Amino acid sequence: MLRALKTLLILAVAGWGFIAALQNLLDWQGTLDAIRAATSMTTFESGAESWQATSNSLLIWLGAVLIVVSKLASGGLCLLGSGQMWRARHAGTSVFQRSKNLALSGCAISILMLFGGFIVLAETWFELWRSDVLRGPVLDSAFRYGGMIALIALFVSSPDEL
């Protein structure tokens, strides 16, 4: 039962990756606008005058593409990993433990994108923590998603017995 639940949790992470990427693509302009708002630092007082503020279109597009590609890669690896885990659910402990590699790699990609992109770059470099407008919807969500995915990865990576 525990192995099946771990597999389903990884499948949920895959679902998050695919749905979130789809939402970014369906509202591509909104995705670009959100990144532009963060990088231009215009959502808080004196932000736009800061030396790190930028509205560089190439940087904004690159950020949007990296977000979508990261979510798709995470979703794909978690989907493939959940399949491997499901097939290995009745195997020995070492076989099941090895079957988690793709799934955990998918989780790691999401965590890297959410922490590296949203916390390190948006919050720290572009000082998004100063924005009353974006702090909640962007940073709180990134922390919530990253934290949940990290907890799932820790739980799934823990050894289990049949």
C-alpha atoms as a PDB file:
ATOM      1  CA  MET A   1       0.000   0.000   0.000  1.00  0.00           C
ATOM      2  CA  LEU A   2       2.804   2.446   0.888  1.00  0.00           C
ATOM      3  CA  ARG A   3       4.515   1.894  -2.459  1.00  0.00           C
ATOM      4  CA  ALA A   4       1.276   2.548  -4.330  1.00  0.00           C
ATOM      5  CA  LEU A   5       0.750   5.766  -2.358  1.00  0.00           C
ATOM      6  CA  LYS A   6       4.293   6.948  -3.111  1.00  0.00           C
ATOM      7  CA  THR A   7       3.656   6.245  -6.782  1.00  0.00           C
ATOM      8  CA  LEU A   8       0.397   8.228  -6.703  1.00  0.00           C
ATOM      9  CA  LEU A   9       2.133  11.169  -5.023  1.00  0.00           C
ATOM     10  CA  ILE A  10       4.689  11.244  -7.830  1.00  0.00           C
ATOM     11  CA  LEU A  11       1.842  11.067 -10.334  1.00  0.00           C
ATOM     12  CA  ALA A  12       0.316  14.110  -8.603  1.00  0.00           C
ATOM     13  CA  VAL A  13       3.603  16.009  -9.072  1.00  0.00           C
ATOM     14  CA  ALA A  14       3.521  15.037 -12.763  1.00  0.00           C
ATOM     15  CA  GLY A  15      -0.024  16.378 -12.951  1.00  0.00           C
ATOM     16  CA  TRP A  16       1.061  19.638 -11.368  1.00  0.00           C
ATOM     17  CA  GLY A  17       3.908  20.007 -13.875  1.00  0.00           C
ATOM     18  CA  PHE A  18       1.713  19.388 -16.922  1.00  0.00           C
ATOM     19  CA  ILE A  19      -1.235  21.499 -15.737  1.00  0.00           C
ATOM     20  CA  ALA A  20       0.991  24.398 -14.658  1.00  0.00           C
ATOM     21  CA  ALA A  21       2.876  24.344 -17.986  1.00  0.00           C
ATOM     22  CA  LEU A  22      -0.416  24.240 -19.885  1.00  0.00           C
ATOM     23  CA  GLN A  23      -1.710  27.238 -17.921  1.00  0.00           C
ATOM     24  CA  ASN A  24       1.493  29.169 -18.688  1.00  0.00           C
ATOM     25  CA  LEU A  25       1.139  28.363 -22.381  1.00  0.00           C
ATOM     26  CA  LEU A  26      -2.591  29.135 -22.587  1.00  0.00           C
ATOM     27  CA  ASP A  27      -1.943  32.524 -20.968  1.00  0.00           C
ATOM     28  CA  TRP A  28       1.440  33.162 -22.566  1.00  0.00           C
ATOM     29  CA  GLN A  29       1.012  36.938 -22.484  1.00  0.00           C
ATOM     30  CA  GLY A  30       0.109  36.786 -18.783  1.00  0.00           C
ATOM     31  CA  THR A  31       3.205  34.662 -18.160  1.00  0.00           C
ATOM     32  CA  LEU A  32       5.392  37.218 -19.937  1.00  0.00           C
ATOM     33  CA  ASP A  33       3.677  40.105 -18.143  1.00  0.00           C
ATOM     34  CA  ALA A  34       4.257  38.515 -14.728  1.00  0.00           C
ATOM     35  CA  ILE A  35       7.954  37.997 -15.464  1.00  0.00           C
ATOM     36  CA  ARG A  36       8.227  41.535 -16.847  1.00  0.00           C
ATOM     37  CA  ALA A  37       6.591  42.917 -13.684  1.00  0.00           C
ATOM     38  CA  ALA A  38       9.097  41.049 -11.527  1.00  0.00           C
ATOM     39  CA  THR A  39      12.216  41.894 -13.555  1.00  0.00           C
ATOM     40  CA  SER A  40      11.305  45.550 -14.156  1.00  0.00           C
ATOM     41  CA  MET A  41      10.713  45.959 -10.411  1.00  0.00           C
ATOM     42  CA  THR A  42       7.834  48.367 -11.128  1.00  0.00           C
ATOM     43  CA  THR A  43       5.415  46.933  -8.573  1.00  0.00           C
ATOM     44  CA  PHE A  44       7.045  48.673  -5.615  1.00  0.00           C
ATOM     45  CA  GLU A  45       8.349  52.137  -4.855  1.00  0.00           C
ATOM     46  CA  SER A  46      11.783  53.012  -6.295  1.00  0.00           C
ATOM     47  CA  GLY A  47      12.150  49.529  -7.770  1.00  0.00           C
ATOM     48  CA  ALA A  48      12.271  50.613 -11.406  1.00  0.00           C
ATOM     49  CA  GLU A  49      15.223  52.910 -10.642  1.00  0.00           C
ATOM     50  CA  SER A  50      17.239  50.053  -9.171  1.00  0.00           C
ATOM     51  CA  TRP A  51      20.378  48.983 -11.033  1.00  0.00           C
ATOM     52  CA  GLN A  52      19.184  45.369 -11.339  1.00  0.00           C
ATOM     53  CA  ALA A  53      15.791  46.253 -12.886  1.00  0.00           C
ATOM     54  CA  THR A  54      15.370  45.223 -16.528  1.00  0.00           C
ATOM     55  CA  SER A  55      12.671  44.956 -19.168  1.00  0.00           C
ATOM     56  CA  ASN A  56      14.897  43.081 -21.615  1.00  0.00           C
ATOM     57  CA  SER A  57      12.539  41.081 -23.848  1.00  0.00           C
ATOM     58  CA  LEU A  58      15.059  38.308 -24.451  1.00  0.00           C
ATOM     59  CA  LEU A  59      15.557  37.802 -20.710  1.00  0.00           C
ATOM     60  CA  ILE A  60      11.804  37.790 -20.106  1.00  0.00           C
ATOM     61  CA  TRP A  61      11.171  35.242 -22.886  1.00  0.00           C
ATOM     62  CA  LEU A  62      14.074  33.098 -21.681  1.00  0.00           C
ATOM     63  CA  GLY A  63      12.630  33.096 -18.163  1.00  0.00           C
ATOM     64  CA  ALA A  64       9.181  32.113 -19.452  1.00  0.00           C
ATOM     65  CA  VAL A  65      10.584  29.336 -21.640  1.00  0.00           C
ATOM     66  CA  LEU A  66      12.684  27.985 -18.754  1.00  0.00           C
ATOM     67  CA  ILE A  67       9.650  27.929 -16.476  1.00  0.00           C
ATOM     68  CA  VAL A  68       7.536  26.021 -19.006  1.00  0.00           C
ATOM     69  CA  VAL A  69      10.333  23.631 -20.012  1.00  0.00           C
ATOM     70  CA  SER A  70      11.117  22.927 -16.348  1.00  0.00           C
ATOM     71  CA  LYS A  71       7.483  22.127 -15.588  1.00  0.00           C
ATOM     72  CA  LEU A  72       7.197  19.878 -18.651  1.00  0.00           C
ATOM     73  CA  ALA A  73      10.481  18.100 -17.871  1.00  0.00           C
ATOM     74  CA  SER A  74       9.420  17.617 -14.269  1.00  0.00           C
ATOM     75  CA  GLY A  75       6.024  16.327 -15.335  1.00  0.00           C
ATOM     76  CA  GLY A  76       7.538  13.978 -17.906  1.00  0.00           C
ATOM     77  CA  LEU A  77      10.153  12.545 -15.565  1.00  0.00           C
ATOM     78  CA  CYS A  78       7.603  12.106 -12.788  1.00  0.00           C
ATOM     79  CA  LEU A  79       5.190  10.402 -15.178  1.00  0.00           C
ATOM     80  CA  LEU A  80       7.879   8.008 -16.419  1.00  0.00           C
ATOM     81  CA  GLY A  81       9.145   7.510 -12.874  1.00  0.00           C
ATOM     82  CA  SER A  82       5.685   6.725 -11.556  1.00  0.00           C
ATOM     83  CA  GLY A  83       5.395   4.055 -14.249  1.00  0.00           C
ATOM     84  CA  GLN A  84       8.696   2.519 -13.178  1.00  0.00           C
ATOM     85  CA  MET A  85       7.663   2.658  -9.544  1.00  0.00           C
ATOM     86  CA  TRP A  86       4.307   1.039 -10.307  1.00  0.00           C
ATOM     87  CA  ARG A  87       5.957  -1.817 -12.207  1.00  0.00           C
ATOM     88  CA  ALA A  88       8.478  -2.339  -9.364  1.00  0.00           C
ATOM     89  CA  ARG A  89       5.977  -2.110  -6.485  1.00  0.00           C
ATOM     90  CA  HIS A  90       6.107  -5.866  -5.809  1.00  0.00           C
ATOM     91  CA  ALA A  91       9.880  -6.183  -6.352  1.00  0.00           C
ATOM     92  CA  GLY A  92      12.563  -6.239  -3.675  1.00  0.00           C
ATOM     93  CA  THR A  93      13.525  -3.150  -1.719  1.00  0.00           C
ATOM     94  CA  SER A  94      16.621  -2.321  -3.784  1.00  0.00           C
ATOM     95  CA  VAL A  95      14.734  -2.658  -7.083  1.00  0.00           C
ATOM     96  CA  PHE A  96      11.921  -0.401  -5.896  1.00  0.00           C
ATOM     97  CA  GLN A  97      14.410   2.098  -4.484  1.00  0.00           C
ATOM     98  CA  ARG A  98      16.177   2.294  -7.881  1.00  0.00           C
ATOM     99  CA  SER A  99      12.837   2.710  -9.666  1.00  0.00           C
ATOM    100  CA  LYS A 100      12.414   6.087  -7.957  1.00  0.00           C
ATOM    101  CA  ASN A 101      15.337   7.781  -9.744  1.00  0.00           C
ATOM    102  CA  LEU A 102      13.419   9.389 -12.633  1.00  0.00           C
ATOM    103  CA  ALA A 103      10.589  10.463 -10.340  1.00  0.00           C
ATOM    104  CA  LEU A 104      12.968  12.073  -7.859  1.00  0.00           C
ATOM    105  CA  SER A 105      14.828  13.769 -10.718  1.00  0.00           C
ATOM    106  CA  GLY A 106      11.518  15.261 -11.856  1.00  0.00           C
ATOM    107  CA  CYS A 107      10.854  16.538  -8.344  1.00  0.00           C
ATOM    108  CA  ALA A 108      14.366  18.009  -8.186  1.00  0.00           C
ATOM    109  CA  ILE A 109      13.825  19.920 -11.444  1.00  0.00           C
ATOM    110  CA  SER A 110      10.656  21.494 -10.037  1.00  0.00           C
ATOM    111  CA  ILE A 111      12.334  22.367  -6.765  1.00  0.00           C
ATOM    112  CA  LEU A 112      15.299  23.890  -8.613  1.00  0.00           C
ATOM    113  CA  MET A 113      13.018  25.975 -10.843  1.00  0.00           C
ATOM    114  CA  LEU A 114      10.815  27.113  -7.965  1.00  0.00           C
ATOM    115  CA  PHE A 115      13.662  27.867  -5.572  1.00  0.00           C
ATOM    116  CA  GLY A 116      16.253  29.062  -8.090  1.00  0.00           C
ATOM    117  CA  GLY A 117      13.882  31.002 -10.312  1.00  0.00           C
ATOM    118  CA  PHE A 118      11.351  32.368  -7.886  1.00  0.00           C
ATOM    119  CA  ILE A 119      13.184  32.603  -4.569  1.00  0.00           C
ATOM    120  CA  VAL A 120      16.784  33.271  -5.643  1.00  0.00           C
ATOM    121  CA  LEU A 121      16.146  35.351  -8.762  1.00  0.00           C
ATOM    122  CA  ALA A 122      12.702  36.929  -8.381  1.00  0.00           C
ATOM    123  CA  GLU A 123      12.618  37.377  -4.617  1.00  0.00           C
ATOM    124  CA  THR A 124      16.269  38.040  -3.903  1.00  0.00           C
ATOM    125  CA  TRP A 125      17.803  39.516  -7.068  1.00  0.00           C
ATOM    126  CA  PHE A 126      14.729  41.434  -8.252  1.00  0.00           C
ATOM    127  CA  GLU A 127      13.595  42.139  -4.657  1.00  0.00           C
ATOM    128  CA  LEU A 128      10.081  40.821  -5.230  1.00  0.00           C
ATOM    129  CA  TRP A 129       9.681  40.545  -1.459  1.00  0.00           C
ATOM    130  CA  ARG A 130       9.122  44.324  -1.535  1.00  0.00           C
ATOM    131  CA  SER A 131       6.090  44.040  -3.830  1.00  0.00           C
ATOM    132  CA  ASP A 132       2.704  43.957  -2.106  1.00  0.00           C
ATOM    133  CA  VAL A 133       1.161  43.125  -5.487  1.00  0.00           C
ATOM    134  CA  LEU A 134       3.271  40.064  -6.380  1.00  0.00           C
ATOM    135  CA  ARG A 135       4.642  38.757  -3.094  1.00  0.00           C
ATOM    136  CA  GLY A 136       1.568  36.679  -2.253  1.00  0.00           C
ATOM    137  CA  PRO A 137       0.497  35.352  -5.642  1.00  0.00           C
ATOM    138  CA  VAL A 138       4.031  34.626  -6.853  1.00  0.00           C
ATOM    139  CA  LEU A 139       6.318  33.979  -3.915  1.00  0.00           C
ATOM    140  CA  ASP A 140       3.812  32.318  -1.598  1.00  0.00           C
ATOM    141  CA  SER A 141       2.738  29.992  -4.409  1.00  0.00           C
ATOM    142  CA  ALA A 142       6.320  29.145  -5.355  1.00  0.00           C
ATOM    143  CA  PHE A 143       7.146  28.386  -1.736  1.00  0.00           C
ATOM    144  CA  ARG A 144       3.999  26.300  -1.296  1.00  0.00           C
ATOM    145  CA  TYR A 145       4.589  24.271  -4.476  1.00  0.00           C
ATOM    146  CA  GLY A 146       8.304  23.877  -3.828  1.00  0.00           C
ATOM    147  CA  GLY A 147       7.746  22.878  -0.221  1.00  0.00           C
ATOM    148  CA  MET A 148       5.071  20.315  -1.056  1.00  0.00           C
ATOM    149  CA  ILE A 149       7.124  18.811  -3.873  1.00  0.00           C
ATOM    150  CA  ALA A 150      10.184  18.665  -1.602  1.00  0.00           C
ATOM    151  CA  LEU A 151       8.165  16.923   1.122  1.00  0.00           C
ATOM    152  CA  ILE A 152       6.815  14.449  -1.408  1.00  0.00           C
ATOM    153  CA  ALA A 153      10.345  13.804  -2.699  1.00  0.00           C
ATOM    154  CA  LEU A 154      11.640  13.216   0.833  1.00  0.00           C
ATOM    155  CA  PHE A 155       8.782  10.849   1.631  1.00  0.00           C
ATOM    156  CA  VAL A 156       9.123   8.960  -1.664  1.00  0.00           C
ATOM    157  CA  SER A 157      12.919   8.699  -1.343  1.00  0.00           C
ATOM    158  CA  SER A 158      12.690   7.155   2.112  1.00  0.00           C
ATOM    159  CA  PRO A 159      13.340   3.401   2.116  1.00  0.00           C
ATOM    160  CA  ASP A 160      10.406   1.117   2.583  1.00  0.00           C
ATOM    161  CA  GLU A 161       9.854  -2.585   3.060  1.00  0.00           C
ATOM    162  CA  LEU A 162       7.354  -4.801   1.333  1.00  0.00           C
END
